[in-house]
Structures are given as structure tokens and as C-alpha cells.
Amino acid sequence: MAKIEKNIQTTYRFKSGRKNPDWGLGLTPLRSCHIYNNAEILKDGVSTISTIPKWLITLEKEEADIETGELIYSDYETDNFKASRNRKIKTVEKFCDYAEPLYRKKKVSVLFHTFTRSDYSKTDMRRMLDNVKYRYKSLNKPIRGFLWALELEENGKMQSGYHIHYHLVVAIDRLKVKKMPAALKFEDLWGQRTGVEFIKKSVRSYLSKYLYKSDAKILGKRSYAISRKLI
């Protein structure tokens, strides 16, 4: 990866990686049958939340003055959490680059869904997404593009210490209604409290507020995904 800032071009290259000696201290057990899908399961039937990065990574940082050709090398310390967050940000930006122009031209509506208490829901997110697609299609508003993200919010009152929920963003042909249709709340399908609202003014600023949070993750489980096609 590379960036240009004024007359300096910076390039990062992988140099070395090592396991974080504190990693085992940041593991929290989580018991939930629906969270298990695609997640890492321990021997006693427990999936695990990680709050500390497992890998510490050293990158070689090369800075080049594009006018003089001078090269300066140094080490840049990062970890797998930061790398994952950067990939997530790029994915969110990809969706925003697609949806924002269409939204400003009033060609699409962008809806923001929240599915709470995932560890107590009727289903997992993969099956829920199929249900959501089917319902939008039945309303003659097939999804043109989507993005979802898993969020773990600290809550000491819960057994696992985390409130586990999903955010789902969908772009559909413009929906002109004064009140959100009950069919788009999806509480009947999820089995827990849900929320849905129209994104207004700026898709990018709205999503950056909600989808860039949370470094904690469920081991072995995807924390975000984007639709293969954005149409």
C-alpha cells in the first residue's frame, strides 16, 4: 500500500509477525447456538470473543522524496486488529462510493437496519440476510446492494459482557413513504428487537459513525460483508 503526501511517497512492506504474549488474557467465552455459524468453537462447546489482537506485525516503512529521490527506512508497528479495521473501512468506503451518488440523484433509498441480541435471535445472519432479500423482493423493491457489519458493544450486565448485534445497510429503488412499512422492521423474522431508518443527508458520514467502531471480534467469524454486485 502507498500514499502520497505533499512530495513524500510512503510504502509499507511486511517485515515480520509474532504472536501477542497477552492474547490469551483477552478471551471471553460466549455460549450461543446461532453465533456458532462459521465461528471457532472450543472443546466444551464455547465460541470465543477476542478483545486483544493475536498477532503483532512489523512493517518496513519506506519514505521517498519524489523530488530528490532520497529514501528513508523505518519500522512501523501494527497488529491484526488494525489491519482488519483498515480492510473494513475500505469496504464501507466502497459501498459509500456506490450509494452516495445514486442517493444524491434520488435514484435510491438507503435503509439502515439493526438486529439486536444476536446470541438470542431465531436465526443467524446468513439466513436472516436471505429472508431480508426475499421480503424486499416481495415488495417489488429488490436490493441493489448491501453491506452488513457485526458489532460487539461492551455491556457488563450481560453474561458474555457484550451486546452482540448486526447493522445491515441496503440500497433499493427509491421508496416514497411517509412512514416506515411494518414489513421492513423484520422483528418477526429475527425474534429480537430490531430497528430500521432511512439514511438522510450523507450515506458516508452516517455509516462512518456506526460501522467503524469495535475492535472486539468473535474468533473465526466474519465481522462484515458486502454484496458481490452493486447495481
Protein backbone atom coordinates (compact mmCIF):
# COMPACT_ATOMS: atom_id res chain seq x y z
CA MET A 1 0.00 0.00 0.00
CA ALA A 2 1.22 3.51 -0.76
CA LYS A 3 0.19 7.10 -0.25
CA ILE A 4 1.41 10.48 -1.48
CA GLU A 5 1.53 13.36 0.99
CA LYS A 6 2.99 16.59 -0.40
CA ASN A 7 6.23 15.44 -2.05
CA ILE A 8 6.65 12.28 0.09
CA GLN A 9 5.61 8.83 -1.15
CA THR A 10 5.22 6.24 1.62
CA THR A 11 5.20 2.48 1.07
CA TYR A 12 4.70 -0.26 3.68
CA ARG A 13 6.01 -3.83 3.30
CA PHE A 14 5.54 -6.80 5.61
CA LYS A 15 8.68 -7.45 7.62
CA SER A 16 7.78 -9.84 10.47
CA GLY A 17 4.97 -11.10 12.67
CA ARG A 18 4.81 -12.58 16.13
CA LYS A 19 2.12 -13.82 18.48
CA ASN A 20 0.99 -11.33 21.11
CA PRO A 21 2.02 -12.70 24.54
CA ASP A 22 -1.04 -11.04 26.12
CA TRP A 23 -3.53 -12.53 23.65
CA GLY A 24 -4.92 -15.24 25.97
CA LEU A 25 -5.85 -12.56 28.53
CA GLY A 26 -8.36 -11.01 26.13
CA LEU A 27 -10.59 -14.04 25.51
CA THR A 28 -14.21 -14.10 26.68
CA PRO A 29 -16.39 -17.23 26.35
CA LEU A 30 -19.69 -16.90 24.53
CA ARG A 31 -22.45 -19.54 24.50
CA SER A 32 -24.93 -19.21 21.65
CA CYS A 33 -26.04 -21.69 19.02
CA HIS A 34 -26.70 -19.00 16.39
CA ILE A 35 -23.36 -17.29 16.87
CA TYR A 36 -21.64 -20.63 16.22
CA ASN A 37 -22.20 -20.48 12.46
CA ASN A 38 -18.74 -20.02 10.87
CA ALA A 39 -17.21 -19.33 14.29
CA GLU A 40 -14.36 -21.03 16.11
CA ILE A 41 -15.68 -23.47 18.72
CA LEU A 42 -13.65 -24.63 21.69
CA LYS A 43 -13.79 -28.20 23.02
CA ASP A 44 -16.51 -27.55 25.60
CA GLY A 45 -18.88 -26.03 23.01
CA VAL A 46 -17.96 -22.41 23.65
CA SER A 47 -17.20 -19.84 20.97
CA THR A 48 -14.87 -17.03 21.96
CA ILE A 49 -14.71 -13.24 21.81
CA SER A 50 -11.24 -11.77 21.43
CA THR A 51 -10.56 -8.25 22.73
CA ILE A 52 -6.77 -8.26 22.22
CA PRO A 53 -5.03 -8.72 18.85
CA LYS A 54 -3.46 -12.15 18.42
CA TRP A 55 -0.67 -11.05 16.09
CA LEU A 56 1.77 -8.15 16.37
CA ILE A 57 3.11 -7.11 12.99
CA THR A 58 6.16 -5.11 11.95
CA LEU A 59 6.05 -3.36 8.58
CA GLU A 60 9.00 -1.77 6.85
CA LYS A 61 8.12 1.86 6.14
CA GLU A 62 9.83 3.40 3.11
CA GLU A 63 9.52 7.14 2.60
CA ALA A 64 10.73 8.57 -0.69
CA ASP A 65 11.09 12.22 -1.56
CA ILE A 66 9.74 12.22 -5.13
CA GLU A 67 11.73 15.38 -5.95
CA THR A 68 15.17 14.39 -4.62
CA GLY A 69 14.85 10.59 -4.67
CA GLU A 70 16.03 10.34 -1.06
CA LEU A 71 14.90 7.15 0.70
CA ILE A 72 14.32 6.82 4.47
CA TYR A 73 13.54 3.43 6.08
CA SER A 74 11.95 2.77 9.47
CA ASP A 75 9.80 0.16 11.22
CA TYR A 76 6.05 0.60 11.66
CA GLU A 77 4.34 -1.47 14.38
CA THR A 78 0.76 -2.62 13.87
CA ASP A 79 -1.43 -5.67 14.62
CA ASN A 80 -4.09 -7.86 13.01
CA PHE A 81 -6.92 -5.81 14.59
CA LYS A 82 -5.70 -2.62 12.90
CA ALA A 83 -5.25 -4.45 9.60
CA SER A 84 -8.78 -5.86 9.84
CA ARG A 85 -10.21 -2.43 10.68
CA ASN A 86 -8.47 -0.88 7.66
CA ARG A 87 -9.96 -3.54 5.37
CA LYS A 88 -13.38 -2.91 6.89
CA ILE A 89 -13.06 0.84 6.32
CA LYS A 90 -12.17 0.24 2.66
CA THR A 91 -15.25 -1.99 2.29
CA VAL A 92 -17.51 0.68 3.81
CA GLU A 93 -15.94 3.27 1.50
CA LYS A 94 -16.65 1.02 -1.49
CA PHE A 95 -20.33 0.90 -0.59
CA CYS A 96 -20.43 4.66 0.00
CA ASP A 97 -18.77 5.35 -3.36
CA TYR A 98 -21.56 3.32 -4.95
CA ALA A 99 -24.58 4.51 -2.94
CA GLU A 100 -23.85 8.20 -2.29
CA PRO A 101 -24.10 9.44 -5.91
CA LEU A 102 -27.30 7.44 -6.51
CA TYR A 103 -28.79 8.74 -3.26
CA ARG A 104 -27.98 12.36 -4.13
CA LYS A 105 -29.63 11.88 -7.55
CA LYS A 106 -32.68 10.49 -5.71
CA LYS A 107 -32.47 7.20 -7.57
CA VAL A 108 -32.18 5.02 -4.46
CA SER A 109 -33.25 4.95 -0.84
CA VAL A 110 -30.67 3.71 1.67
CA LEU A 111 -32.03 1.97 4.76
CA PHE A 112 -30.13 1.18 7.94
CA HIS A 113 -31.27 -1.93 9.85
CA THR A 114 -30.17 -3.01 13.33
CA PHE A 115 -30.67 -6.56 14.60
CA THR A 116 -30.08 -6.72 18.36
CA ARG A 117 -29.19 -9.54 20.77
CA SER A 118 -27.81 -11.81 18.07
CA ASP A 119 -26.99 -14.52 20.61
CA TYR A 120 -30.73 -14.83 21.41
CA SER A 121 -32.15 -14.48 17.90
CA LYS A 122 -34.23 -17.02 15.98
CA THR A 123 -31.62 -17.38 13.26
CA ASP A 124 -28.10 -16.43 12.21
CA MET A 125 -27.16 -13.52 9.97
CA ARG A 126 -26.59 -15.58 6.84
CA ARG A 127 -30.13 -16.97 6.88
CA MET A 128 -31.52 -13.63 8.02
CA LEU A 129 -29.98 -11.93 5.00
CA ASP A 130 -31.77 -14.42 2.73
CA ASN A 131 -35.05 -13.57 4.49
CA VAL A 132 -34.43 -9.85 4.12
CA LYS A 133 -33.71 -10.20 0.39
CA TYR A 134 -36.87 -12.23 -0.13
CA ARG A 135 -39.07 -9.71 1.69
CA TYR A 136 -37.70 -6.72 -0.19
CA LYS A 137 -38.24 -8.59 -3.45
CA SER A 138 -41.83 -9.42 -2.45
CA LEU A 139 -42.41 -5.66 -2.01
CA ASN A 140 -41.10 -5.05 -5.55
CA LYS A 141 -38.01 -3.37 -4.12
CA PRO A 142 -35.18 -5.86 -4.71
CA ILE A 143 -31.92 -4.99 -3.00
CA ARG A 144 -29.45 -3.32 -5.39
CA GLY A 145 -26.57 -3.50 -2.94
CA PHE A 146 -25.97 -4.25 0.74
CA LEU A 147 -23.37 -4.10 3.47
CA TRP A 148 -23.53 -5.68 6.92
CA ALA A 149 -21.29 -5.48 9.97
CA LEU A 150 -21.18 -7.32 13.29
CA GLU A 151 -20.73 -5.08 16.31
CA LEU A 152 -19.78 -6.07 19.84
CA GLU A 153 -20.61 -3.37 22.36
CA GLU A 154 -19.40 -3.75 25.92
CA ASN A 155 -22.19 -4.38 28.43
CA GLY A 156 -21.11 -5.69 31.82
CA LYS A 157 -24.67 -6.72 32.72
CA MET A 158 -24.74 -9.46 30.08
CA GLN A 159 -23.36 -12.95 30.60
CA SER A 160 -20.70 -12.55 27.91
CA GLY A 161 -20.07 -8.90 28.78
CA TYR A 162 -21.03 -7.84 25.26
CA HIS A 163 -24.15 -6.76 23.43
CA ILE A 164 -23.86 -8.58 20.09
CA HIS A 165 -25.77 -7.10 17.18
CA TYR A 166 -25.69 -6.55 13.44
CA HIS A 167 -26.07 -3.49 11.27
CA LEU A 168 -27.34 -4.00 7.72
CA VAL A 169 -27.39 -1.27 5.09
CA VAL A 170 -29.38 -1.77 1.89
CA ALA A 171 -29.83 0.31 -1.25
CA ILE A 172 -33.13 -0.10 -3.08
CA ASP A 173 -35.01 1.79 -5.80
CA ARG A 174 -36.35 4.99 -4.27
CA LEU A 175 -39.07 4.30 -1.70
CA LYS A 176 -41.54 7.15 -1.28
CA VAL A 177 -43.41 6.68 2.00
CA LYS A 178 -44.22 8.93 4.94
CA LYS A 179 -43.99 6.09 7.45
CA MET A 180 -41.66 3.09 7.54
CA PRO A 181 -43.58 -0.02 6.37
CA ALA A 182 -44.05 -2.55 9.17
CA ALA A 183 -42.88 -5.31 6.82
CA LEU A 184 -39.38 -3.78 6.81
CA LYS A 185 -38.89 -3.99 10.57
CA PHE A 186 -38.20 -7.76 10.43
CA GLU A 187 -38.80 -8.32 14.13
CA ASP A 188 -40.99 -11.33 13.30
CA LEU A 189 -38.09 -12.97 11.45
CA TRP A 190 -35.29 -12.06 13.87
CA GLY A 191 -37.11 -12.81 17.11
CA GLN A 192 -35.49 -9.92 18.99
CA ARG A 193 -35.82 -6.14 18.94
CA THR A 194 -34.90 -4.57 15.61
CA GLY A 195 -34.60 -1.06 14.24
CA VAL A 196 -34.78 0.48 10.79
CA GLU A 197 -34.49 4.02 9.48
CA PHE A 198 -33.76 5.91 6.29
CA ILE A 199 -30.28 7.32 5.93
CA LYS A 200 -30.58 11.03 5.23
CA LYS A 201 -28.22 13.78 4.08
CA SER A 202 -24.99 11.76 3.80
CA VAL A 203 -24.53 8.00 3.47
CA ARG A 204 -20.80 8.29 4.13
CA SER A 205 -20.98 10.29 7.35
CA TYR A 206 -23.81 8.11 8.68
CA LEU A 207 -22.00 4.82 8.09
CA SER A 208 -18.67 6.07 9.40
CA LYS A 209 -20.42 6.88 12.67
CA TYR A 210 -21.76 3.35 13.17
CA LEU A 211 -19.59 0.91 11.23
CA TYR A 212 -16.05 1.95 12.17
CA LYS A 213 -16.47 1.05 15.84
CA SER A 214 -15.50 -2.07 17.81
CA ASP A 215 -12.19 -3.91 17.73
CA ALA A 216 -13.52 -6.93 19.63
CA LYS A 217 -14.38 -9.90 17.44
CA ILE A 218 -15.73 -13.44 17.60
CA LEU A 219 -12.91 -15.79 16.68
CA GLY A 220 -13.26 -17.35 13.26
CA LYS A 221 -16.44 -15.42 12.42
CA ARG A 222 -16.75 -12.85 9.67
CA SER A 223 -17.42 -9.38 11.03
CA TYR A 224 -18.62 -7.68 7.82
CA ALA A 225 -19.51 -8.37 4.19
CA ILE A 226 -20.60 -6.52 1.07
CA SER A 227 -22.77 -7.73 -1.80
CA ARG A 228 -20.87 -9.15 -4.74
CA LYS A 229 -22.71 -6.90 -7.16
CA LEU A 230 -23.67 -3.26 -6.72
CA ILE A 231 -26.22 -2.43 -9.43
